[in-house]
Amino acid sequence: MARIEWMYNRPGLMTCGKTQEFLAKKKIAAETVVDAKKKTLKLKDALALLDGVDEIVSGKRGKVERVDLRAGNPDQATLARLLLGPTGNLRAPTFRTGRTLVVGFDEPTYKRLLG
């Protein structure tokens, strides 16, 4: 069964709402949820989330990038582009399922990873 260990969510944000709707339909609840309005995560915090992660899947404006961290470590500028929004904070929604960190809302990615 699919599981989300950790999630960064911003209530009221359209993409976070879509994520919550998807998860509700699949009856999946995140074990730990961090409210992005109450706690901002900068690059250092975002990079710490990569401990134990093999893949980053980052969706933005219909484009999805997958980075296999087992194949090598991307430079910090690439990671910042994948993980951070224009404010320099971790983008919401972001969640971790298994050894994959998913950034942004992309329904096909969600279906692939969560069923």
N, C-alpha and C. Protein backbone atom coordinates (compact mmCIF):
# COMPACT_ATOMS: atom_id res chain seq x y z
N MET A 1 0.84 -1.19 0.00
CA MET A 1 0.00 0.00 0.00
C MET A 1 0.88 1.24 0.00
N ALA A 2 0.48 2.23 -0.77
CA ALA A 2 1.22 3.48 -0.88
C ALA A 2 1.21 4.21 0.45
N ARG A 3 2.33 4.88 0.69
CA ARG A 3 2.42 5.62 1.95
C ARG A 3 3.27 6.86 1.74
N ILE A 4 2.89 7.92 2.44
CA ILE A 4 3.65 9.16 2.42
C ILE A 4 4.18 9.38 3.83
N GLU A 5 5.51 9.37 3.94
CA GLU A 5 6.12 9.53 5.25
C GLU A 5 6.13 10.97 5.72
N TRP A 6 6.33 11.90 4.78
CA TRP A 6 6.51 13.32 5.14
C TRP A 6 5.93 14.17 4.02
N MET A 7 5.28 15.26 4.41
CA MET A 7 4.68 16.16 3.41
C MET A 7 4.81 17.61 3.85
N TYR A 8 5.10 18.46 2.89
CA TYR A 8 5.17 19.91 3.07
C TYR A 8 3.99 20.48 2.30
N ASN A 9 3.10 21.15 2.98
CA ASN A 9 1.83 21.57 2.39
C ASN A 9 1.54 23.02 2.75
N ARG A 10 0.95 23.74 1.81
CA ARG A 10 0.53 25.12 2.07
C ARG A 10 -0.99 25.19 1.88
N PRO A 11 -1.75 25.18 2.99
CA PRO A 11 -3.20 25.27 2.87
C PRO A 11 -3.61 26.52 2.07
N GLY A 12 -4.58 26.31 1.18
CA GLY A 12 -5.07 27.41 0.36
C GLY A 12 -4.39 27.53 -0.99
N LEU A 13 -3.26 26.88 -1.17
CA LEU A 13 -2.56 26.91 -2.46
C LEU A 13 -3.24 25.93 -3.40
N MET A 14 -3.49 26.34 -4.64
CA MET A 14 -4.24 25.52 -5.59
C MET A 14 -3.61 24.13 -5.78
N THR A 15 -2.31 24.07 -6.00
CA THR A 15 -1.68 22.77 -6.24
C THR A 15 -1.71 21.89 -4.99
N CYS A 16 -1.63 22.49 -3.82
CA CYS A 16 -1.75 21.72 -2.58
C CYS A 16 -3.16 21.18 -2.43
N GLY A 17 -4.15 21.95 -2.84
CA GLY A 17 -5.53 21.50 -2.82
C GLY A 17 -5.73 20.30 -3.74
N LYS A 18 -5.13 20.36 -4.93
CA LYS A 18 -5.22 19.23 -5.87
C LYS A 18 -4.56 17.99 -5.28
N THR A 19 -3.44 18.20 -4.62
CA THR A 19 -2.75 17.09 -3.97
C THR A 19 -3.63 16.47 -2.90
N GLN A 20 -4.23 17.30 -2.06
CA GLN A 20 -5.09 16.81 -0.98
C GLN A 20 -6.29 16.05 -1.55
N GLU A 21 -6.88 16.54 -2.64
CA GLU A 21 -8.00 15.85 -3.27
C GLU A 21 -7.56 14.48 -3.78
N PHE A 22 -6.40 14.42 -4.44
CA PHE A 22 -5.89 13.15 -4.94
C PHE A 22 -5.69 12.16 -3.80
N LEU A 23 -5.04 12.62 -2.74
CA LEU A 23 -4.75 11.73 -1.61
C LEU A 23 -6.04 11.27 -0.92
N ALA A 24 -7.01 12.16 -0.81
CA ALA A 24 -8.28 11.79 -0.19
C ALA A 24 -8.99 10.70 -1.00
N LYS A 25 -8.97 10.82 -2.33
CA LYS A 25 -9.60 9.81 -3.18
C LYS A 25 -8.92 8.45 -3.00
N LYS A 26 -7.62 8.46 -2.81
CA LYS A 26 -6.85 7.22 -2.65
C LYS A 26 -6.80 6.75 -1.19
N LYS A 27 -7.40 7.55 -0.30
CA LYS A 27 -7.39 7.24 1.14
C LYS A 27 -5.96 7.10 1.68
N ILE A 28 -5.14 8.07 1.29
CA ILE A 28 -3.75 8.11 1.75
C ILE A 28 -3.57 9.36 2.61
N ALA A 29 -3.03 9.17 3.80
CA ALA A 29 -2.75 10.29 4.69
C ALA A 29 -1.25 10.31 4.97
N ALA A 30 -0.67 11.49 4.96
CA ALA A 30 0.75 11.62 5.28
C ALA A 30 0.96 11.40 6.77
N GLU A 31 2.04 10.71 7.09
CA GLU A 31 2.36 10.46 8.50
C GLU A 31 2.74 11.75 9.23
N THR A 32 3.51 12.59 8.56
CA THR A 32 3.93 13.88 9.13
C THR A 32 3.63 14.95 8.10
N VAL A 33 2.95 16.01 8.53
CA VAL A 33 2.63 17.14 7.63
C VAL A 33 3.21 18.41 8.24
N VAL A 34 3.96 19.14 7.43
CA VAL A 34 4.53 20.42 7.84
C VAL A 34 3.78 21.52 7.08
N ASP A 35 3.24 22.47 7.82
CA ASP A 35 2.50 23.59 7.24
C ASP A 35 3.50 24.64 6.76
N ALA A 36 3.53 24.86 5.45
CA ALA A 36 4.48 25.80 4.85
C ALA A 36 4.23 27.24 5.29
N LYS A 37 3.01 27.54 5.74
CA LYS A 37 2.72 28.89 6.23
C LYS A 37 3.35 29.13 7.60
N LYS A 38 3.54 28.05 8.35
CA LYS A 38 4.09 28.17 9.70
C LYS A 38 5.59 27.91 9.75
N LYS A 39 6.11 27.13 8.80
CA LYS A 39 7.54 26.81 8.82
C LYS A 39 8.07 26.85 7.40
N THR A 40 8.95 27.81 7.14
CA THR A 40 9.58 27.88 5.82
C THR A 40 10.86 27.05 5.84
N LEU A 41 11.07 26.36 4.75
CA LEU A 41 12.27 25.54 4.61
C LEU A 41 13.12 26.11 3.47
N LYS A 42 14.31 26.53 3.79
CA LYS A 42 15.24 27.11 2.82
C LYS A 42 16.06 25.98 2.19
N LEU A 43 17.03 26.34 1.35
CA LEU A 43 17.80 25.36 0.60
C LEU A 43 18.49 24.35 1.52
N LYS A 44 19.10 24.80 2.59
CA LYS A 44 19.79 23.89 3.51
C LYS A 44 18.83 22.82 4.04
N ASP A 45 17.62 23.25 4.42
CA ASP A 45 16.60 22.32 4.92
C ASP A 45 16.15 21.36 3.81
N ALA A 46 15.96 21.91 2.61
CA ALA A 46 15.52 21.10 1.48
C ALA A 46 16.57 20.04 1.13
N LEU A 47 17.84 20.42 1.17
CA LEU A 47 18.90 19.46 0.87
C LEU A 47 18.96 18.36 1.92
N ALA A 48 18.66 18.69 3.16
CA ALA A 48 18.64 17.69 4.23
C ALA A 48 17.56 16.64 3.98
N LEU A 49 16.49 17.01 3.29
CA LEU A 49 15.42 16.06 2.98
C LEU A 49 15.88 14.97 2.02
N LEU A 50 16.99 15.21 1.34
CA LEU A 50 17.47 14.25 0.34
C LEU A 50 18.21 13.07 0.94
N ASP A 51 18.44 13.10 2.24
CA ASP A 51 19.11 11.99 2.90
C ASP A 51 18.25 10.73 2.75
N GLY A 52 18.81 9.71 2.11
CA GLY A 52 18.07 8.46 1.88
C GLY A 52 17.17 8.48 0.67
N VAL A 53 17.19 9.55 -0.12
CA VAL A 53 16.37 9.66 -1.32
C VAL A 53 17.19 9.22 -2.53
N ASP A 54 16.58 8.39 -3.39
CA ASP A 54 17.23 7.94 -4.61
C ASP A 54 16.79 8.73 -5.84
N GLU A 55 15.58 9.32 -5.77
CA GLU A 55 15.02 10.00 -6.93
C GLU A 55 14.26 11.24 -6.51
N ILE A 56 14.43 12.30 -7.29
CA ILE A 56 13.62 13.52 -7.15
C ILE A 56 12.74 13.59 -8.39
N VAL A 57 11.45 13.81 -8.18
CA VAL A 57 10.53 14.05 -9.27
C VAL A 57 9.94 15.43 -9.03
N SER A 58 10.24 16.36 -9.92
CA SER A 58 9.83 17.75 -9.74
C SER A 58 8.96 18.18 -10.91
N GLY A 59 7.73 18.55 -10.61
CA GLY A 59 6.80 19.00 -11.63
C GLY A 59 6.53 20.49 -11.48
N LYS A 60 6.57 21.17 -12.62
CA LYS A 60 6.31 22.62 -12.61
C LYS A 60 5.76 23.02 -13.97
N ARG A 61 4.58 23.64 -13.94
CA ARG A 61 3.94 24.14 -15.17
C ARG A 61 3.84 23.06 -16.25
N GLY A 62 3.46 21.85 -15.85
CA GLY A 62 3.26 20.76 -16.81
C GLY A 62 4.51 20.03 -17.24
N LYS A 63 5.67 20.50 -16.81
CA LYS A 63 6.92 19.83 -17.15
C LYS A 63 7.42 19.06 -15.92
N VAL A 64 7.79 17.81 -16.13
CA VAL A 64 8.26 16.97 -15.04
C VAL A 64 9.71 16.58 -15.29
N GLU A 65 10.53 16.79 -14.26
CA GLU A 65 11.94 16.37 -14.33
C GLU A 65 12.17 15.29 -13.30
N ARG A 66 12.87 14.25 -13.72
CA ARG A 66 13.26 13.18 -12.81
C ARG A 66 14.77 13.16 -12.71
N VAL A 67 15.26 13.12 -11.49
CA VAL A 67 16.70 13.07 -11.27
C VAL A 67 17.01 11.85 -10.42
N ASP A 68 17.83 10.96 -10.97
CA ASP A 68 18.25 9.76 -10.27
C ASP A 68 19.51 10.10 -9.48
N LEU A 69 19.39 10.22 -8.18
CA LEU A 69 20.52 10.60 -7.35
C LEU A 69 21.55 9.48 -7.22
N ARG A 70 21.16 8.25 -7.56
CA ARG A 70 22.11 7.13 -7.53
C ARG A 70 23.12 7.25 -8.66
N ALA A 71 22.73 7.96 -9.72
CA ALA A 71 23.60 8.14 -10.88
C ALA A 71 24.63 9.24 -10.67
N GLY A 72 24.52 9.97 -9.58
CA GLY A 72 25.44 11.06 -9.30
C GLY A 72 24.71 12.21 -8.64
N ASN A 73 25.47 13.07 -8.02
CA ASN A 73 24.87 14.19 -7.32
C ASN A 73 24.84 15.42 -8.22
N PRO A 74 23.64 15.95 -8.49
CA PRO A 74 23.55 17.19 -9.26
C PRO A 74 24.14 18.34 -8.46
N ASP A 75 24.55 19.39 -9.16
CA ASP A 75 25.11 20.54 -8.45
C ASP A 75 24.01 21.26 -7.67
N GLN A 76 24.43 22.10 -6.77
CA GLN A 76 23.51 22.80 -5.86
C GLN A 76 22.53 23.68 -6.63
N ALA A 77 22.96 24.29 -7.72
CA ALA A 77 22.07 25.15 -8.51
C ALA A 77 20.93 24.33 -9.12
N THR A 78 21.23 23.13 -9.60
CA THR A 78 20.20 22.26 -10.16
C THR A 78 19.22 21.83 -9.08
N LEU A 79 19.74 21.45 -7.94
CA LEU A 79 18.87 21.04 -6.84
C LEU A 79 17.98 22.20 -6.39
N ALA A 80 18.54 23.38 -6.31
CA ALA A 80 17.75 24.56 -5.92
C ALA A 80 16.63 24.80 -6.92
N ARG A 81 16.92 24.67 -8.20
CA ARG A 81 15.91 24.87 -9.24
C ARG A 81 14.77 23.85 -9.12
N LEU A 82 15.12 22.62 -8.78
CA LEU A 82 14.11 21.57 -8.65
C LEU A 82 13.28 21.68 -7.38
N LEU A 83 13.89 22.16 -6.31
CA LEU A 83 13.26 22.11 -4.99
C LEU A 83 12.63 23.42 -4.52
N LEU A 84 13.19 24.55 -4.94
CA LEU A 84 12.77 25.84 -4.38
C LEU A 84 11.89 26.63 -5.33
N GLY A 85 11.03 27.43 -4.72
CA GLY A 85 10.20 28.36 -5.48
C GLY A 85 10.89 29.71 -5.58
N PRO A 86 10.22 30.71 -6.15
CA PRO A 86 10.81 32.03 -6.35
C PRO A 86 11.17 32.75 -5.04
N THR A 87 10.56 32.36 -3.94
CA THR A 87 10.86 32.99 -2.65
C THR A 87 12.12 32.41 -2.00
N GLY A 88 12.65 31.33 -2.57
CA GLY A 88 13.81 30.67 -1.97
C GLY A 88 13.43 29.62 -0.94
N ASN A 89 12.13 29.35 -0.83
CA ASN A 89 11.63 28.32 0.10
C ASN A 89 11.32 27.05 -0.68
N LEU A 90 11.31 25.93 0.04
CA LEU A 90 10.89 24.67 -0.55
C LEU A 90 9.50 24.83 -1.14
N ARG A 91 9.32 24.31 -2.35
CA ARG A 91 8.02 24.41 -3.00
C ARG A 91 7.01 23.48 -2.34
N ALA A 92 5.79 23.94 -2.30
CA ALA A 92 4.70 23.12 -1.78
C ALA A 92 3.73 22.86 -2.93
N PRO A 93 3.23 21.65 -3.03
CA PRO A 93 3.43 20.51 -2.15
C PRO A 93 4.73 19.77 -2.47
N THR A 94 5.31 19.22 -1.43
CA THR A 94 6.44 18.31 -1.54
C THR A 94 6.16 17.16 -0.58
N PHE A 95 6.43 15.94 -1.05
CA PHE A 95 6.28 14.80 -0.14
C PHE A 95 7.30 13.72 -0.45
N ARG A 96 7.50 12.88 0.56
CA ARG A 96 8.41 11.75 0.41
C ARG A 96 7.62 10.46 0.52
N THR A 97 7.79 9.61 -0.47
CA THR A 97 7.21 8.28 -0.45
C THR A 97 8.33 7.31 -0.77
N GLY A 98 8.63 6.46 0.18
CA GLY A 98 9.76 5.54 0.00
C GLY A 98 11.05 6.32 -0.15
N ARG A 99 11.76 6.04 -1.22
CA ARG A 99 13.05 6.70 -1.48
C ARG A 99 12.92 7.77 -2.57
N THR A 100 11.68 8.28 -2.75
CA THR A 100 11.40 9.29 -3.77
C THR A 100 10.87 10.55 -3.12
N LEU A 101 11.42 11.70 -3.53
CA LEU A 101 10.93 13.00 -3.11
C LEU A 101 10.20 13.61 -4.30
N VAL A 102 8.93 13.95 -4.08
CA VAL A 102 8.09 14.50 -5.14
C VAL A 102 7.82 15.97 -4.82
N VAL A 103 8.11 16.83 -5.79
CA VAL A 103 7.94 18.27 -5.63
C VAL A 103 6.93 18.75 -6.66
N GLY A 104 5.89 19.44 -6.19
CA GLY A 104 4.87 19.95 -7.10
C GLY A 104 3.76 18.94 -7.34
N PHE A 105 2.74 19.38 -8.07
CA PHE A 105 1.62 18.50 -8.38
C PHE A 105 1.71 18.05 -9.82
N ASP A 106 1.74 16.72 -10.02
CA ASP A 106 1.68 16.13 -11.34
C ASP A 106 0.91 14.82 -11.20
N GLU A 107 -0.35 14.82 -11.65
CA GLU A 107 -1.21 13.67 -11.42
C GLU A 107 -0.66 12.37 -11.99
N PRO A 108 -0.09 12.33 -13.21
CA PRO A 108 0.47 11.07 -13.68
C PRO A 108 1.59 10.53 -12.77
N THR A 109 2.40 11.42 -12.24
CA THR A 109 3.45 11.00 -11.31
C THR A 109 2.82 10.43 -10.04
N TYR A 110 1.81 11.11 -9.52
CA TYR A 110 1.13 10.64 -8.31
C TYR A 110 0.54 9.25 -8.55
N LYS A 111 -0.11 9.06 -9.71
CA LYS A 111 -0.70 7.76 -10.02
C LYS A 111 0.37 6.68 -10.10
N ARG A 112 1.50 7.01 -10.71
CA ARG A 112 2.59 6.04 -10.86
C ARG A 112 3.14 5.64 -9.51
N LEU A 113 3.32 6.61 -8.61
CA LEU A 113 3.95 6.33 -7.33
C LEU A 113 2.98 5.86 -6.25
N LEU A 114 1.75 6.33 -6.31
CA LEU A 114 0.79 6.08 -5.22
C LEU A 114 -0.37 5.19 -5.62
N GLY A 115 -0.46 4.86 -6.90
CA GLY A 115 -1.55 3.97 -7.35
C GLY A 115 -2.77 4.70 -7.79
